[in-house]
């Protein structure tokens, strides 16, 4: 009983100190991008959704949220919005699309790391892929002589390391994701407008 109460207490403290616990309004950017994941045990592919959301906390800090379906729940990663984050995200996906064309045209196989988003103070995620909570890594994969090309999104939930998934996006899904990224600014403007209107009710 004491142990259970201690766990509950620690969990509540974690929520209270979470940097995004006070996010006031959250909006999805564009549509959900449909990808897939491979289950080694079942030896089959399953559909997985990936989406981008934006929100502004009550302290007026803007956040970008990445959400990936794990088949059981949703893994979420949050980062503070910045020009650097947006530019890196856009350039990574654009690069994966370009590499996909190169792989198909040259019947080439490869596996290349791109970058990482979220909590990575020692820059280890970028080199080895997401391995800890609140991390999302991107990498490019080409196989079967360039017939299969994917942007691989590996995402680990910000609160629970067991909520994780590797989502494969083919070239069509990559293009859709790039379109979603281009709409982040519009969604953020809507979030700011909603937050500013809250001043009317003080």
Protein backbone atom coordinates (compact mmCIF):
# COMPACT_ATOMS: atom_id res chain seq x y z
CA UNK A 1 0.00 0.00 0.00
CA UNK A 2 2.81 2.40 0.91
CA UNK A 3 4.65 1.52 -2.30
CA UNK A 4 1.53 2.10 -4.38
CA UNK A 5 0.97 5.51 -2.78
CA UNK A 6 4.59 6.41 -3.40
CA UNK A 7 4.29 5.50 -7.08
CA UNK A 8 1.11 7.58 -7.41
CA UNK A 9 2.85 10.51 -5.71
CA UNK A 10 5.86 10.31 -8.02
CA UNK A 11 3.57 10.08 -11.06
CA UNK A 12 1.68 13.21 -9.99
CA UNK A 13 4.95 15.06 -9.45
CA UNK A 14 6.09 14.10 -12.94
CA UNK A 15 2.90 15.53 -14.41
CA UNK A 16 3.24 18.74 -12.44
CA UNK A 17 6.80 19.40 -13.55
CA UNK A 18 6.25 18.34 -17.15
CA UNK A 19 7.25 21.22 -19.49
CA UNK A 20 4.09 20.74 -21.54
CA UNK A 21 1.69 19.92 -18.74
CA UNK A 22 0.20 23.41 -18.99
CA UNK A 23 -0.30 23.36 -22.77
CA UNK A 24 -3.53 25.29 -23.16
CA UNK A 25 -4.66 24.59 -26.71
CA UNK A 26 -3.42 21.97 -29.16
CA UNK A 27 -4.17 21.76 -32.88
CA UNK A 28 -3.40 19.06 -35.40
CA UNK A 29 -1.47 20.27 -38.43
CA UNK A 30 -3.09 19.03 -41.63
CA UNK A 31 -4.02 15.39 -42.03
CA UNK A 32 -2.75 12.22 -40.40
CA UNK A 33 -0.01 10.64 -42.52
CA UNK A 34 -0.50 6.91 -42.98
CA UNK A 35 2.56 4.70 -42.60
CA UNK A 36 3.19 1.13 -41.55
CA UNK A 37 5.23 -0.88 -39.08
CA UNK A 38 6.59 -4.41 -39.23
CA UNK A 39 5.83 -6.93 -36.51
CA UNK A 40 8.68 -9.43 -36.27
CA UNK A 41 6.61 -11.85 -34.21
CA UNK A 42 3.60 -11.85 -36.54
CA UNK A 43 5.74 -11.44 -39.68
CA UNK A 44 3.43 -8.83 -41.15
CA UNK A 45 2.98 -5.12 -41.76
CA UNK A 46 0.35 -3.03 -39.95
CA UNK A 47 -0.98 0.46 -40.65
CA UNK A 48 0.30 3.22 -38.38
CA UNK A 49 -0.71 6.87 -38.31
CA UNK A 50 1.72 9.75 -37.75
CA UNK A 51 0.68 13.33 -37.09
CA UNK A 52 2.06 16.73 -36.12
CA UNK A 53 0.33 18.99 -33.60
CA UNK A 54 1.09 22.45 -32.23
CA UNK A 55 0.19 24.07 -28.95
CA UNK A 56 1.01 27.09 -26.83
CA UNK A 57 1.36 26.80 -23.08
CA UNK A 58 -0.18 29.26 -20.64
CA UNK A 59 3.30 30.75 -20.28
CA UNK A 60 3.10 31.42 -24.06
CA UNK A 61 5.80 28.91 -24.99
CA UNK A 62 5.07 27.35 -28.42
CA UNK A 63 5.46 23.58 -28.80
CA UNK A 64 5.42 21.10 -31.65
CA UNK A 65 4.10 17.62 -30.85
CA UNK A 66 4.83 14.50 -32.87
CA UNK A 67 2.37 11.64 -32.39
CA UNK A 68 2.74 8.09 -33.65
CA UNK A 69 0.30 5.21 -33.42
CA UNK A 70 1.80 2.12 -31.78
CA UNK A 71 -1.18 -0.15 -32.34
CA UNK A 72 -2.08 -0.06 -28.65
CA UNK A 73 -1.69 3.60 -27.76
CA UNK A 74 -0.08 6.80 -29.02
CA UNK A 75 3.56 7.74 -28.52
CA UNK A 76 4.05 11.51 -28.20
CA UNK A 77 7.21 13.61 -28.40
CA UNK A 78 7.24 17.34 -27.64
CA UNK A 79 9.78 19.99 -28.63
CA UNK A 80 9.84 23.75 -28.22
CA UNK A 81 9.00 25.34 -31.56
CA UNK A 82 11.84 27.16 -33.32
CA UNK A 83 13.03 28.05 -36.81
CA UNK A 84 15.83 25.53 -36.38
CA UNK A 85 13.42 22.68 -35.55
CA UNK A 86 11.12 23.48 -38.47
CA UNK A 87 14.00 23.86 -40.95
CA UNK A 88 15.61 20.60 -39.83
CA UNK A 89 12.31 18.75 -40.06
CA UNK A 90 11.57 20.09 -43.54
CA UNK A 91 15.07 19.49 -44.90
CA UNK A 92 15.17 15.92 -43.53
CA UNK A 93 11.92 14.92 -45.21
CA UNK A 94 12.87 16.72 -48.44
CA UNK A 95 16.22 14.92 -48.42
CA UNK A 96 14.50 11.54 -47.92
CA UNK A 97 12.26 12.25 -50.94
CA UNK A 98 15.33 13.15 -53.02
CA UNK A 99 17.18 10.01 -51.90
CA UNK A 100 14.12 7.94 -52.74
CA UNK A 101 14.27 9.18 -56.34
CA UNK A 102 18.01 8.49 -56.51
CA UNK A 103 17.61 4.98 -55.10
CA UNK A 104 14.85 4.09 -57.57
CA UNK A 105 16.71 5.54 -60.56
CA UNK A 106 19.94 3.72 -59.70
CA UNK A 107 18.57 0.48 -58.22
CA UNK A 108 20.48 1.36 -55.05
CA UNK A 109 20.16 0.07 -51.50
CA UNK A 110 21.23 2.13 -48.50
CA UNK A 111 20.50 3.01 -44.88
CA UNK A 112 21.25 6.54 -43.67
CA UNK A 113 20.61 8.44 -40.45
CA UNK A 114 19.07 11.87 -40.69
CA UNK A 115 18.42 13.67 -37.39
CA UNK A 116 16.73 13.50 -34.02
CA UNK A 117 14.12 15.60 -32.22
CA UNK A 118 13.27 15.86 -28.54
CA UNK A 119 15.40 15.27 -25.45
CA UNK A 120 18.95 14.48 -26.55
CA UNK A 121 21.41 16.57 -24.49
CA UNK A 122 24.43 14.45 -25.47
CA UNK A 123 23.56 14.18 -29.18
CA UNK A 124 23.46 10.37 -29.02
CA UNK A 125 20.05 9.93 -30.64
CA UNK A 126 21.16 11.36 -33.98
CA UNK A 127 23.94 8.80 -34.31
CA UNK A 128 22.13 5.70 -33.05
CA UNK A 129 18.43 6.51 -33.40
CA UNK A 130 15.82 7.18 -30.71
CA UNK A 131 16.59 5.21 -27.55
CA UNK A 132 15.02 7.15 -24.66
CA UNK A 133 11.82 8.93 -23.68
CA UNK A 134 10.73 12.01 -25.64
CA UNK A 135 12.88 11.20 -28.66
CA UNK A 136 12.07 10.87 -32.33
CA UNK A 137 14.67 9.96 -34.93
CA UNK A 138 14.45 10.02 -38.71
CA UNK A 139 16.37 7.79 -41.09
CA UNK A 140 16.21 6.75 -44.74
CA UNK A 141 16.08 3.16 -45.94
CA UNK A 142 16.23 1.68 -49.42
CA UNK A 143 16.08 -2.05 -50.22
CA UNK A 144 15.39 -4.54 -53.04
CA UNK A 145 17.38 -2.54 -55.55
CA UNK A 146 15.60 0.69 -54.72
CA UNK A 147 12.12 -0.80 -55.09
CA UNK A 148 11.36 -0.16 -51.42
CA UNK A 149 12.26 3.29 -50.12
CA UNK A 150 11.12 4.59 -46.76
CA UNK A 151 11.53 7.40 -44.29
CA UNK A 152 11.67 5.61 -40.95
CA UNK A 153 10.29 7.50 -37.95
CA UNK A 154 11.31 5.93 -34.65
CA UNK A 155 9.35 7.52 -31.81
CA UNK A 156 9.43 6.93 -28.04
CA UNK A 157 6.78 8.51 -25.84
CA UNK A 158 7.78 11.42 -23.60
CA UNK A 159 6.37 9.77 -20.46
CA UNK A 160 6.64 6.03 -21.06
CA UNK A 161 9.59 4.34 -22.77
CA UNK A 162 7.44 1.29 -23.57
CA UNK A 163 5.17 3.36 -25.83
CA UNK A 164 7.30 3.32 -28.96
CA UNK A 165 7.13 2.46 -32.64
CA UNK A 166 9.10 2.51 -35.89
CA UNK A 167 6.84 3.90 -38.63
CA UNK A 168 7.80 3.48 -42.29
CA UNK A 169 6.62 6.12 -44.76
CA UNK A 170 6.84 5.40 -48.49
CA UNK A 171 7.49 8.19 -50.98
CA UNK A 172 3.82 9.10 -51.31
CA UNK A 173 3.54 9.43 -47.53
CA UNK A 174 6.80 11.43 -47.42
CA UNK A 175 5.31 13.96 -49.84
CA UNK A 176 2.18 14.19 -47.71
CA UNK A 177 4.28 14.74 -44.59
CA UNK A 178 6.22 17.51 -46.30
CA UNK A 179 2.91 19.20 -47.12
CA UNK A 180 1.86 18.92 -43.46
CA UNK A 181 5.14 20.49 -42.30
CA UNK A 182 4.52 23.46 -44.59
CA UNK A 183 1.27 24.12 -42.70
CA UNK A 184 2.80 24.32 -39.22
CA UNK A 185 2.89 28.11 -39.30
CA UNK A 186 -0.85 28.38 -40.06
CA UNK A 187 -1.74 26.02 -37.22
CA UNK A 188 0.53 27.89 -34.83
CA UNK A 189 -1.11 31.20 -35.79
CA UNK A 190 -4.50 29.68 -34.94
CA UNK A 191 -3.17 28.50 -31.57
CA UNK A 192 -1.82 31.99 -30.81
CA UNK A 193 -5.12 33.62 -31.76
CA UNK A 194 -7.04 31.30 -29.44
CA UNK A 195 -4.61 31.93 -26.58
CA UNK A 196 -4.79 35.71 -27.01
CA UNK A 197 -8.59 35.61 -26.85
CA UNK A 198 -8.40 34.01 -23.42
CA UNK A 199 -7.47 37.46 -22.09
CA UNK A 200 -11.08 38.47 -22.73
CA UNK A 201 -12.20 36.18 -19.92
CA UNK A 202 -9.94 37.37 -17.10
